[in-house]
PDB file of N, CA and C in Angstrom:
ATOM      1  N   THR A   1    -112.290   4.382  46.974  1.00  0.00           N
ATOM      2  CA  THR A   1    -111.776   3.038  46.775  1.00  0.00           C
ATOM      3  C   THR A   1    -110.260   3.045  46.838  1.00  0.00           C
ATOM      4  N   VAL A   2    -109.737   1.887  47.096  1.00  0.00           N
ATOM      5  CA  VAL A   2    -108.303   1.665  46.964  1.00  0.00           C
ATOM      6  C   VAL A   2    -108.150   1.007  45.601  1.00  0.00           C
ATOM      7  N   ASP A   3    -107.506   1.703  44.686  1.00  0.00           N
ATOM      8  CA  ASP A   3    -107.364   1.203  43.327  1.00  0.00           C
ATOM      9  C   ASP A   3    -106.031   0.502  43.146  1.00  0.00           C
ATOM     10  N   LYS A   4    -106.002  -0.386  42.172  1.00  0.00           N
ATOM     11  CA  LYS A   4    -104.766  -1.084  41.842  1.00  0.00           C
ATOM     12  C   LYS A   4    -103.806  -0.101  41.190  1.00  0.00           C
ATOM     13  N   GLY A   5    -102.557  -0.130  41.627  1.00  0.00           N
ATOM     14  CA  GLY A   5    -101.524   0.707  41.028  1.00  0.00           C
ATOM     15  C   GLY A   5    -101.045   0.075  39.737  1.00  0.00           C
ATOM     16  N   ASP A   6     -99.763   0.004  39.567  1.00  0.00           N
ATOM     17  CA  ASP A   6     -99.227  -0.634  38.368  1.00  0.00           C
ATOM     18  C   ASP A   6     -99.213  -2.152  38.551  1.00  0.00           C
ATOM     19  N   GLU A   7     -98.601  -2.845  37.598  1.00  0.00           N
ATOM     20  CA  GLU A   7     -98.590  -4.314  37.629  1.00  0.00           C
ATOM     21  C   GLU A   7     -97.839  -4.882  38.832  1.00  0.00           C
ATOM     22  N   LYS A   8     -97.047  -4.071  39.507  1.00  0.00           N
ATOM     23  CA  LYS A   8     -96.304  -4.525  40.690  1.00  0.00           C
ATOM     24  C   LYS A   8     -97.132  -4.442  41.973  1.00  0.00           C
ATOM     25  N   TRP A   9     -98.303  -3.827  41.910  1.00  0.00           N
ATOM     26  CA  TRP A   9     -99.140  -3.642  43.098  1.00  0.00           C
ATOM     27  C   TRP A   9     -99.556  -4.987  43.681  1.00  0.00           C
ATOM     28  N   LYS A  10     -99.268  -5.193  44.955  1.00  0.00           N
ATOM     29  CA  LYS A  10     -99.617  -6.436  45.647  1.00  0.00           C
ATOM     30  C   LYS A  10    -100.601  -6.190  46.787  1.00  0.00           C
ATOM     31  N   GLY A  11    -100.983  -4.927  46.988  1.00  0.00           N
ATOM     32  CA  GLY A  11    -101.878  -4.587  48.094  1.00  0.00           C
ATOM     33  C   GLY A  11    -103.331  -4.896  47.790  1.00  0.00           C
ATOM     34  N   ARG A  12    -104.154  -4.662  48.776  1.00  0.00           N
ATOM     35  CA  ARG A  12    -105.588  -4.884  48.631  1.00  0.00           C
ATOM     36  C   ARG A  12    -106.201  -3.823  47.717  1.00  0.00           C
ATOM     37  N   VAL A  13    -107.344  -4.177  47.147  1.00  0.00           N
ATOM     38  CA  VAL A  13    -108.093  -3.288  46.270  1.00  0.00           C
ATOM     39  C   VAL A  13    -109.558  -3.373  46.694  1.00  0.00           C
ATOM     40  N   GLY A  14    -110.247  -2.247  46.702  1.00  0.00           N
ATOM     41  CA  GLY A  14    -111.675  -2.273  47.017  1.00  0.00           C
ATOM     42  C   GLY A  14    -112.112  -1.025  47.743  1.00  0.00           C
ATOM     43  N   LEU A  15    -113.350  -1.047  48.214  1.00  0.00           N
ATOM     44  CA  LEU A  15    -113.881   0.077  48.972  1.00  0.00           C
ATOM     45  C   LEU A  15    -113.146   0.179  50.299  1.00  0.00           C
ATOM     46  N   VAL A  16    -112.825   1.388  50.709  1.00  0.00           N
ATOM     47  CA  VAL A  16    -112.024   1.607  51.919  1.00  0.00           C
ATOM     48  C   VAL A  16    -112.630   0.917  53.143  1.00  0.00           C
ATOM     49  N   PRO A  17    -113.945   1.029  53.414  1.00  0.00           N
ATOM     50  CA  PRO A  17    -114.485   0.338  54.592  1.00  0.00           C
ATOM     51  C   PRO A  17    -114.264  -1.175  54.552  1.00  0.00           C
ATOM     52  N   ASN A  18    -114.392  -1.769  53.374  1.00  0.00           N
ATOM     53  CA  ASN A  18    -114.170  -3.214  53.244  1.00  0.00           C
ATOM     54  C   ASN A  18    -112.706  -3.575  53.457  1.00  0.00           C
ATOM     55  N   VAL A  19    -111.814  -2.763  52.918  1.00  0.00           N
ATOM     56  CA  VAL A  19    -110.381  -3.007  53.106  1.00  0.00           C
ATOM     57  C   VAL A  19    -110.029  -2.903  54.588  1.00  0.00           C
ATOM     58  N   LEU A  20    -110.603  -1.932  55.295  1.00  0.00           N
ATOM     59  CA  LEU A  20    -110.351  -1.794  56.738  1.00  0.00           C
ATOM     60  C   LEU A  20    -110.768  -3.049  57.488  1.00  0.00           C
ATOM     61  N   LYS A  21    -111.934  -3.591  57.132  1.00  0.00           N
ATOM     62  CA  LYS A  21    -112.417  -4.811  57.796  1.00  0.00           C
ATOM     63  C   LYS A  21    -111.474  -5.979  57.535  1.00  0.00           C
ATOM     64  N   GLU A  22    -110.960  -6.074  56.324  1.00  0.00           N
ATOM     65  CA  GLU A  22    -110.027  -7.151  55.978  1.00  0.00           C
ATOM     66  C   GLU A  22    -108.715  -7.023  56.743  1.00  0.00           C
ATOM     67  N   LEU A  23    -108.250  -5.796  56.934  1.00  0.00           N
ATOM     68  CA  LEU A  23    -106.971  -5.573  57.609  1.00  0.00           C
ATOM     69  C   LEU A  23    -107.047  -5.836  59.104  1.00  0.00           C
ATOM     70  N   ALA A  24    -108.226  -5.679  59.691  1.00  0.00           N
ATOM     71  CA  ALA A  24    -108.422  -5.867  61.132  1.00  0.00           C
ATOM     72  C   ALA A  24    -107.343  -5.125  61.920  1.00  0.00           C
ATOM     73  N   LEU A  25    -107.250  -3.841  61.691  1.00  0.00           N
ATOM     74  CA  LEU A  25    -106.258  -2.998  62.354  1.00  0.00           C
ATOM     75  C   LEU A  25    -106.461  -2.972  63.860  1.00  0.00           C
ATOM     76  N   SER A  26    -105.385  -2.765  64.575  1.00  0.00           N
ATOM     77  CA  SER A  26    -105.463  -2.614  66.024  1.00  0.00           C
ATOM     78  C   SER A  26    -105.583  -1.133  66.357  1.00  0.00           C
ATOM     79  N   SER A  27    -106.534  -0.816  67.208  1.00  0.00           N
ATOM     80  CA  SER A  27    -106.711   0.575  67.618  1.00  0.00           C
ATOM     81  C   SER A  27    -105.818   0.926  68.804  1.00  0.00           C
ATOM     82  N   LYS A  28    -105.112  -0.048  69.344  1.00  0.00           N
ATOM     83  CA  LYS A  28    -104.258   0.188  70.511  1.00  0.00           C
ATOM     84  C   LYS A  28    -103.158   1.180  70.143  1.00  0.00           C
ATOM     85  N   ASP A  29    -103.116   2.282  70.850  1.00  0.00           N
ATOM     86  CA  ASP A  29    -102.102   3.322  70.638  1.00  0.00           C
ATOM     87  C   ASP A  29    -102.114   3.903  69.231  1.00  0.00           C
ATOM     88  N   GLY A  30    -103.192   3.739  68.501  1.00  0.00           N
ATOM     89  CA  GLY A  30    -103.237   4.248  67.139  1.00  0.00           C
ATOM     90  C   GLY A  30    -104.258   5.350  66.961  1.00  0.00           C
ATOM     91  N   VAL A  31    -104.127   6.048  65.863  1.00  0.00           N
ATOM     92  CA  VAL A  31    -105.110   7.040  65.451  1.00  0.00           C
ATOM     93  C   VAL A  31    -105.474   6.746  64.001  1.00  0.00           C
ATOM     94  N   ALA A  32    -106.627   7.215  63.596  1.00  0.00           N
ATOM     95  CA  ALA A  32    -107.055   7.057  62.208  1.00  0.00           C
ATOM     96  C   ALA A  32    -107.185   8.441  61.587  1.00  0.00           C
ATOM     97  N   LEU A  33    -106.561   8.615  60.447  1.00  0.00           N
ATOM     98  CA  LEU A  33    -106.643   9.863  59.690  1.00  0.00           C
ATOM     99  C   LEU A  33    -107.410   9.558  58.413  1.00  0.00           C
ATOM    100  N   VAL A  34    -108.558  10.195  58.251  1.00  0.00           N
ATOM    101  CA  VAL A  34    -109.428   9.897  57.119  1.00  0.00           C
ATOM    102  C   VAL A  34    -109.620  11.170  56.303  1.00  0.00           C
ATOM    103  N   CYS A  35    -109.254  11.112  55.035  1.00  0.00           N
ATOM    104  CA  CYS A  35    -109.515  12.249  54.157  1.00  0.00           C
ATOM    105  C   CYS A  35    -109.951  11.713  52.811  1.00  0.00           C
ATOM    106  N   GLY A  36    -110.674  12.513  52.100  1.00  0.00           N
ATOM    107  CA  GLY A  36    -111.184  12.102  50.805  1.00  0.00           C
ATOM    108  C   GLY A  36    -112.574  12.650  50.603  1.00  0.00           C
ATOM    109  N   PRO A  37    -113.274  12.139  49.613  1.00  0.00           N
ATOM    110  CA  PRO A  37    -114.641  12.602  49.372  1.00  0.00           C
ATOM    111  C   PRO A  37    -115.520  12.327  50.598  1.00  0.00           C
ATOM    112  N   PHE A  38    -116.477  13.211  50.836  1.00  0.00           N
ATOM    113  CA  PHE A  38    -117.324  13.081  52.019  1.00  0.00           C
ATOM    114  C   PHE A  38    -117.966  11.705  52.118  1.00  0.00           C
ATOM    115  N   ILE A  39    -118.449  11.172  51.014  1.00  0.00           N
ATOM    116  CA  ILE A  39    -119.146   9.885  51.054  1.00  0.00           C
ATOM    117  C   ILE A  39    -118.213   8.776  51.540  1.00  0.00           C
ATOM    118  N   MET A  40    -116.940   8.835  51.166  1.00  0.00           N
ATOM    119  CA  MET A  40    -115.986   7.840  51.639  1.00  0.00           C
ATOM    120  C   MET A  40    -115.747   8.001  53.136  1.00  0.00           C
ATOM    121  N   VAL A  41    -115.580   9.251  53.574  1.00  0.00           N
ATOM    122  CA  VAL A  41    -115.366   9.516  55.001  1.00  0.00           C
ATOM    123  C   VAL A  41    -116.555   8.988  55.800  1.00  0.00           C
ATOM    124  N   LYS A  42    -117.757   9.280  55.331  1.00  0.00           N
ATOM    125  CA  LYS A  42    -118.984   8.864  56.024  1.00  0.00           C
ATOM    126  C   LYS A  42    -119.028   7.353  56.237  1.00  0.00           C
ATOM    127  N   TYR A  43    -118.640   6.582  55.230  1.00  0.00           N
ATOM    128  CA  TYR A  43    -118.723   5.128  55.330  1.00  0.00           C
ATOM    129  C   TYR A  43    -117.463   4.486  55.898  1.00  0.00           C
ATOM    130  N   THR A  44    -116.415   5.258  56.098  1.00  0.00           N
ATOM    131  CA  THR A  44    -115.180   4.729  56.679  1.00  0.00           C
ATOM    132  C   THR A  44    -115.193   4.819  58.204  1.00  0.00           C
ATOM    133  N   ILE A  45    -115.871   5.796  58.760  1.00  0.00           N
ATOM    134  CA  ILE A  45    -115.866   5.976  60.214  1.00  0.00           C
ATOM    135  C   ILE A  45    -116.513   4.801  60.961  1.00  0.00           C
ATOM    136  N   PRO A  46    -117.685   4.278  60.560  1.00  0.00           N
ATOM    137  CA  PRO A  46    -118.269   3.160  61.319  1.00  0.00           C
ATOM    138  C   PRO A  46    -117.355   1.935  61.461  1.00  0.00           C
ATOM    139  N   PRO A  47    -116.668   1.488  60.395  1.00  0.00           N
ATOM    140  CA  PRO A  47    -115.755   0.358  60.598  1.00  0.00           C
ATOM    141  C   PRO A  47    -114.606   0.681  61.557  1.00  0.00           C
ATOM    142  N   LEU A  48    -114.152   1.935  61.555  1.00  0.00           N
ATOM    143  CA  LEU A  48    -113.096   2.321  62.498  1.00  0.00           C
ATOM    144  C   LEU A  48    -113.606   2.231  63.932  1.00  0.00           C
ATOM    145  N   LEU A  49    -114.837   2.666  64.160  1.00  0.00           N
ATOM    146  CA  LEU A  49    -115.440   2.537  65.493  1.00  0.00           C
ATOM    147  C   LEU A  49    -115.575   1.062  65.871  1.00  0.00           C
ATOM    148  N   ASP A  50    -115.987   0.229  64.908  1.00  0.00           N
ATOM    149  CA  ASP A  50    -116.107  -1.215  65.154  1.00  0.00           C
ATOM    150  C   ASP A  50    -114.763  -1.838  65.513  1.00  0.00           C
ATOM    151  N   LEU A  51    -113.685  -1.289  64.950  1.00  0.00           N
ATOM    152  CA  LEU A  51    -112.339  -1.798  65.246  1.00  0.00           C
ATOM    153  C   LEU A  51    -111.815  -1.301  66.591  1.00  0.00           C
ATOM    154  N   GLY A  52    -112.579  -0.437  67.262  1.00  0.00           N
ATOM    155  CA  GLY A  52    -112.191   0.023  68.586  1.00  0.00           C
ATOM    156  C   GLY A  52    -111.558   1.400  68.653  1.00  0.00           C
ATOM    157  N   PHE A  53    -111.495   2.098  67.531  1.00  0.00           N
ATOM    158  CA  PHE A  53    -110.970   3.467  67.564  1.00  0.00           C
ATOM    159  C   PHE A  53    -111.999   4.352  68.260  1.00  0.00           C
ATOM    160  N   SER A  54    -111.569   5.129  69.228  1.00  0.00           N
ATOM    161  CA  SER A  54    -112.494   6.032  69.917  1.00  0.00           C
ATOM    162  C   SER A  54    -112.732   7.256  69.037  1.00  0.00           C
ATOM    163  N   PRO A  55    -113.881   7.920  69.198  1.00  0.00           N
ATOM    164  CA  PRO A  55    -114.164   9.118  68.403  1.00  0.00           C
ATOM    165  C   PRO A  55    -113.092  10.199  68.540  1.00  0.00           C
ATOM    166  N   GLU A  56    -112.393  10.228  69.674  1.00  0.00           N
ATOM    167  CA  GLU A  56    -111.323  11.216  69.877  1.00  0.00           C
ATOM    168  C   GLU A  56    -110.065  10.886  69.085  1.00  0.00           C
ATOM    169  N   ARG A  57    -109.969   9.652  68.570  1.00  0.00           N
ATOM    170  CA  ARG A  57    -108.762   9.223  67.862  1.00  0.00           C
ATOM    171  C   ARG A  57    -109.004   9.004  66.365  1.00  0.00           C
ATOM    172  N   ILE A  58    -110.156   9.479  65.901  1.00  0.00           N
ATOM    173  CA  ILE A  58    -110.459   9.462  64.468  1.00  0.00           C
ATOM    174  C   ILE A  58    -110.472  10.917  64.007  1.00  0.00           C
ATOM    175  N   PHE A  59    -109.600  11.240  63.080  1.00  0.00           N
ATOM    176  CA  PHE A  59    -109.463  12.612  62.576  1.00  0.00           C
ATOM    177  C   PHE A  59    -109.857  12.653  61.105  1.00  0.00           C
ATOM    178  N   THR A  60    -110.561  13.707  60.734  1.00  0.00           N
ATOM    179  CA  THR A  60    -110.906  13.891  59.332  1.00  0.00           C
ATOM    180  C   THR A  60    -110.853  15.377  58.989  1.00  0.00           C
ATOM    181  N   SER A  61    -110.772  15.654  57.726  1.00  0.00           N
ATOM    182  CA  SER A  61    -110.652  17.034  57.259  1.00  0.00           C
ATOM    183  C   SER A  61    -111.926  17.450  56.531  1.00  0.00           C
ATOM    184  N   LEU A  62    -112.365  18.657  56.796  1.00  0.00           N
ATOM    185  CA  LEU A  62    -113.555  19.203  56.131  1.00  0.00           C
ATOM    186  C   LEU A  62    -113.194  20.363  55.207  1.00  0.00           C
ATOM    187  N   GLU A  63    -112.004  20.345  54.640  1.00  0.00           N
ATOM    188  CA  GLU A  63    -111.557  21.474  53.818  1.00  0.00           C
ATOM    189  C   GLU A  63    -112.455  21.710  52.617  1.00  0.00           C
ATOM    190  N   MET A  64    -113.218  20.706  52.203  1.00  0.00           N
ATOM    191  CA  MET A  64    -114.110  20.888  51.060  1.00  0.00           C
ATOM    192  C   MET A  64    -115.202  21.924  51.334  1.00  0.00           C
ATOM    193  N   ARG A  65    -115.385  22.280  52.610  1.00  0.00           N
ATOM    194  CA  ARG A  65    -116.381  23.299  52.978  1.00  0.00           C
ATOM    195  C   ARG A  65    -115.832  24.724  52.869  1.00  0.00           C
ATOM    196  N   MET A  66    -114.521  24.870  52.739  1.00  0.00           N
ATOM    197  CA  MET A  66    -113.910  26.202  52.780  1.00  0.00           C
ATOM    198  C   MET A  66    -113.988  26.912  51.430  1.00  0.00           C
ATOM    199  N   LYS A  67    -114.095  28.231  51.492  1.00  0.00           N
ATOM    200  CA  LYS A  67    -114.036  29.045  50.283  1.00  0.00           C
ATOM    201  C   LYS A  67    -112.990  30.143  50.461  1.00  0.00           C
ATOM    202  N   CYS A  68    -113.239  31.105  51.359  1.00  0.00           N
ATOM    203  CA  CYS A  68    -112.305  32.238  51.496  1.00  0.00           C
ATOM    204  C   CYS A  68    -111.090  31.875  52.347  1.00  0.00           C
ATOM    205  N   GLY A  69    -111.258  30.976  53.302  1.00  0.00           N
ATOM    206  CA  GLY A  69    -110.141  30.548  54.142  1.00  0.00           C
ATOM    207  C   GLY A  69    -109.811  31.463  55.305  1.00  0.00           C
ATOM    208  N   ILE A  70    -110.566  32.548  55.484  1.00  0.00           N
ATOM    209  CA  ILE A  70    -110.258  33.476  56.585  1.00  0.00           C
ATOM    210  C   ILE A  70    -111.474  33.801  57.455  1.00  0.00           C
ATOM    211  N   GLY A  71    -112.562  33.084  57.290  1.00  0.00           N
ATOM    212  CA  GLY A  71    -113.728  33.270  58.145  1.00  0.00           C
ATOM    213  C   GLY A  71    -114.635  34.423  57.793  1.00  0.00           C
ATOM    214  N   LYS A  72    -114.505  34.963  56.597  1.00  0.00           N
ATOM    215  CA  LYS A  72    -115.314  36.125  56.206  1.00  0.00           C
ATOM    216  C   LYS A  72    -116.577  35.755  55.421  1.00  0.00           C
ATOM    217  N   CYS A  73    -116.499  34.729  54.588  1.00  0.00           N
ATOM    218  CA  CYS A  73    -117.639  34.438  53.713  1.00  0.00           C
ATOM    219  C   CYS A  73    -118.729  33.621  54.415  1.00  0.00           C
ATOM    220  N   GLY A  74    -118.372  32.867  55.442  1.00  0.00           N
ATOM    221  CA  GLY A  74    -119.348  32.071  56.176  1.00  0.00           C
ATOM    222  C   GLY A  74    -119.716  30.753  55.528  1.00  0.00           C
ATOM    223  N   ARG A  75    -119.165  30.450  54.375  1.00  0.00           N
ATOM    224  CA  ARG A  75    -119.510  29.215  53.667  1.00  0.00           C
ATOM    225  C   ARG A  75    -119.145  27.971  54.473  1.00  0.00           C
ATOM    226  N   CYS A  76    -118.106  28.058  55.266  1.00  0.00           N
ATOM    227  CA  CYS A  76    -117.630  26.881  55.988  1.00  0.00           C
ATOM    228  C   CYS A  76    -118.214  26.764  57.393  1.00  0.00           C
ATOM    229  N   ASN A  77    -119.157  27.603  57.732  1.00  0.00           N
ATOM    230  CA  ASN A  77    -119.757  27.589  59.063  1.00  0.00           C
ATOM    231  C   ASN A  77    -120.611  26.346  59.277  1.00  0.00           C
ATOM    232  N   ILE A  78    -120.344  25.638  60.377  1.00  0.00           N
ATOM    233  CA  ILE A  78    -121.167  24.506  60.804  1.00  0.00           C
ATOM    234  C   ILE A  78    -121.451  24.735  62.283  1.00  0.00           C
ATOM    235  N   GLY A  79    -122.672  25.088  62.603  1.00  0.00           N
ATOM    236  CA  GLY A  79    -122.988  25.404  63.997  1.00  0.00           C
ATOM    237  C   GLY A  79    -122.144  26.569  64.468  1.00  0.00           C
ATOM    238  N   SER A  80    -121.404  26.365  65.554  1.00  0.00           N
ATOM    239  CA  SER A  80    -120.561  27.438  66.107  1.00  0.00           C
ATOM    240  C   SER A  80    -119.141  27.427  65.549  1.00  0.00           C
ATOM    241  N   LYS A  81    -118.840  26.511  64.655  1.00  0.00           N
ATOM    242  CA  LYS A  81    -117.479  26.359  64.130  1.00  0.00           C
ATOM    243  C   LYS A  81    -117.362  26.909  62.717  1.00  0.00           C
ATOM    244  N   TYR A  82    -116.183  27.441  62.438  1.00  0.00           N
ATOM    245  CA  TYR A  82    -115.793  27.807  61.077  1.00  0.00           C
ATOM    246  C   TYR A  82    -114.662  26.863  60.698  1.00  0.00           C
ATOM    247  N   VAL A  83    -114.888  26.076  59.662  1.00  0.00           N
ATOM    248  CA  VAL A  83    -113.888  25.090  59.260  1.00  0.00           C
ATOM    249  C   VAL A  83    -112.544  25.754  59.010  1.00  0.00           C
ATOM    250  N   CYS A  84    -112.540  26.924  58.383  1.00  0.00           N
ATOM    251  CA  CYS A  84    -111.280  27.586  58.036  1.00  0.00           C
ATOM    252  C   CYS A  84    -110.535  28.119  59.252  1.00  0.00           C
ATOM    253  N   LYS A  85    -111.236  28.399  60.333  1.00  0.00           N
ATOM    254  CA  LYS A  85    -110.582  28.957  61.516  1.00  0.00           C
ATOM    255  C   LYS A  85    -110.418  27.926  62.631  1.00  0.00           C
ATOM    256  N   ASP A  86    -111.388  27.046  62.800  1.00  0.00           N
ATOM    257  CA  ASP A  86    -111.364  26.059  63.880  1.00  0.00           C
ATOM    258  C   ASP A  86    -110.836  24.707  63.419  1.00  0.00           C
ATOM    259  N   GLY A  87    -110.624  24.541  62.156  1.00  0.00           N
ATOM    260  CA  GLY A  87    -110.168  23.275  61.572  1.00  0.00           C
ATOM    261  C   GLY A  87    -109.055  23.553  60.590  1.00  0.00           C
ATOM    262  N   PRO A  88    -109.009  22.907  59.474  1.00  0.00           N
ATOM    263  CA  PRO A  88    -110.055  22.080  58.890  1.00  0.00           C
ATOM    264  C   PRO A  88    -110.102  20.656  59.427  1.00  0.00           C
ATOM    265  N   VAL A  89    -109.152  20.277  60.288  1.00  0.00           N
ATOM    266  CA  VAL A  89    -109.132  18.912  60.820  1.00  0.00           C
ATOM    267  C   VAL A  89    -109.900  18.880  62.136  1.00  0.00           C
ATOM    268  N   PHE A  90    -110.805  17.905  62.231  1.00  0.00           N
ATOM    269  CA  PHE A  90    -111.630  17.718  63.418  1.00  0.00           C
ATOM    270  C   PHE A  90    -111.613  16.247  63.812  1.00  0.00           C
ATOM    271  N   THR A  91    -111.785  15.993  65.095  1.00  0.00           N
ATOM    272  CA  THR A  91    -111.974  14.607  65.526  1.00  0.00           C
ATOM    273  C   THR A  91    -113.424  14.229  65.247  1.00  0.00           C
ATOM    274  N   TYR A  92    -113.669  12.933  65.200  1.00  0.00           N
ATOM    275  CA  TYR A  92    -115.045  12.486  65.014  1.00  0.00           C
ATOM    276  C   TYR A  92    -115.901  12.917  66.204  1.00  0.00           C
ATOM    277  N   LYS A  93    -115.316  12.950  67.395  1.00  0.00           N
ATOM    278  CA  LYS A  93    -116.053  13.424  68.578  1.00  0.00           C
ATOM    279  C   LYS A  93    -116.525  14.864  68.364  1.00  0.00           C
ATOM    280  N   GLU A  94    -115.649  15.713  67.836  1.00  0.00           N
ATOM    281  CA  GLU A  94    -116.038  17.103  67.561  1.00  0.00           C
ATOM    282  C   GLU A  94    -117.162  17.164  66.524  1.00  0.00           C
ATOM    283  N   LEU A  95    -117.082  16.315  65.514  1.00  0.00           N
ATOM    284  CA  LEU A  95    -118.119  16.308  64.479  1.00  0.00           C
ATOM    285  C   LEU A  95    -119.460  15.876  65.049  1.00  0.00           C
ATOM    286  N   GLN A  96    -119.433  14.939  65.991  1.00  0.00           N
ATOM    287  CA  GLN A  96    -120.677  14.477  66.606  1.00  0.00           C
ATOM    288  C   GLN A  96    -121.369  15.597  67.376  1.00  0.00           C
ATOM    289  N   GLU A  97    -120.618  16.574  67.829  1.00  0.00           N
ATOM    290  CA  GLU A  97    -121.178  17.679  68.610  1.00  0.00           C
ATOM    291  C   GLU A  97    -121.696  18.816  67.727  1.00  0.00           C
ATOM    292  N   LEU A  98    -121.455  18.732  66.431  1.00  0.00           N
ATOM    293  CA  LEU A  98    -121.906  19.766  65.496  1.00  0.00           C
ATOM    294  C   LEU A  98    -123.261  19.389  64.907  1.00  0.00           C
ATOM    295  N   PRO A  99    -124.018  20.379  64.416  1.00  0.00           N
ATOM    296  CA  PRO A  99    -125.260  20.049  63.708  1.00  0.00           C
ATOM    297  C   PRO A  99    -124.942  19.145  62.517  1.00  0.00           C
ATOM    298  N   ASN A 100    -125.871  18.322  62.154  1.00  0.00           N
ATOM    299  CA  ASN A 100    -125.662  17.355  61.069  1.00  0.00           C
ATOM    300  C   ASN A 100    -125.739  18.034  59.701  1.00  0.00           C
ATOM    301  N   GLU A 101    -124.817  18.960  59.457  1.00  0.00           N
ATOM    302  CA  GLU A 101    -124.776  19.704  58.188  1.00  0.00           C
ATOM    303  C   GLU A 101    -123.621  19.272  57.303  1.00  0.00           C
ATOM    304  N   TYR A 102    -122.682  18.569  57.839  1.00  0.00           N
ATOM    305  CA  TYR A 102    -121.508  18.206  57.074  1.00  0.00           C
ATOM    306  C   TYR A 102    -121.776  16.915  56.373  1.00  0.00           C
TER     307      TYR A 102
END
């Protein structure tokens, strides 16, 4: 969620996907960087696609999958990728090509 800051906060408040819809962002020449809890990332990507962001221009981080950070423990392995070595930042297009384990 986007939470209210102090009493001076004048911005929007609410669930990130809803705030995105309200903002009606332009995808022209833009990229989307999404980080946070997995559940938020999962529900934020569809509105970005609806706004016209291509899967190649939506970036997210999967660092929550990492443990050792050097590719030895295998905890961060998703298909042929190791988050710690091949990421941790991936485009949504790259995520679509991975097994649905993330």
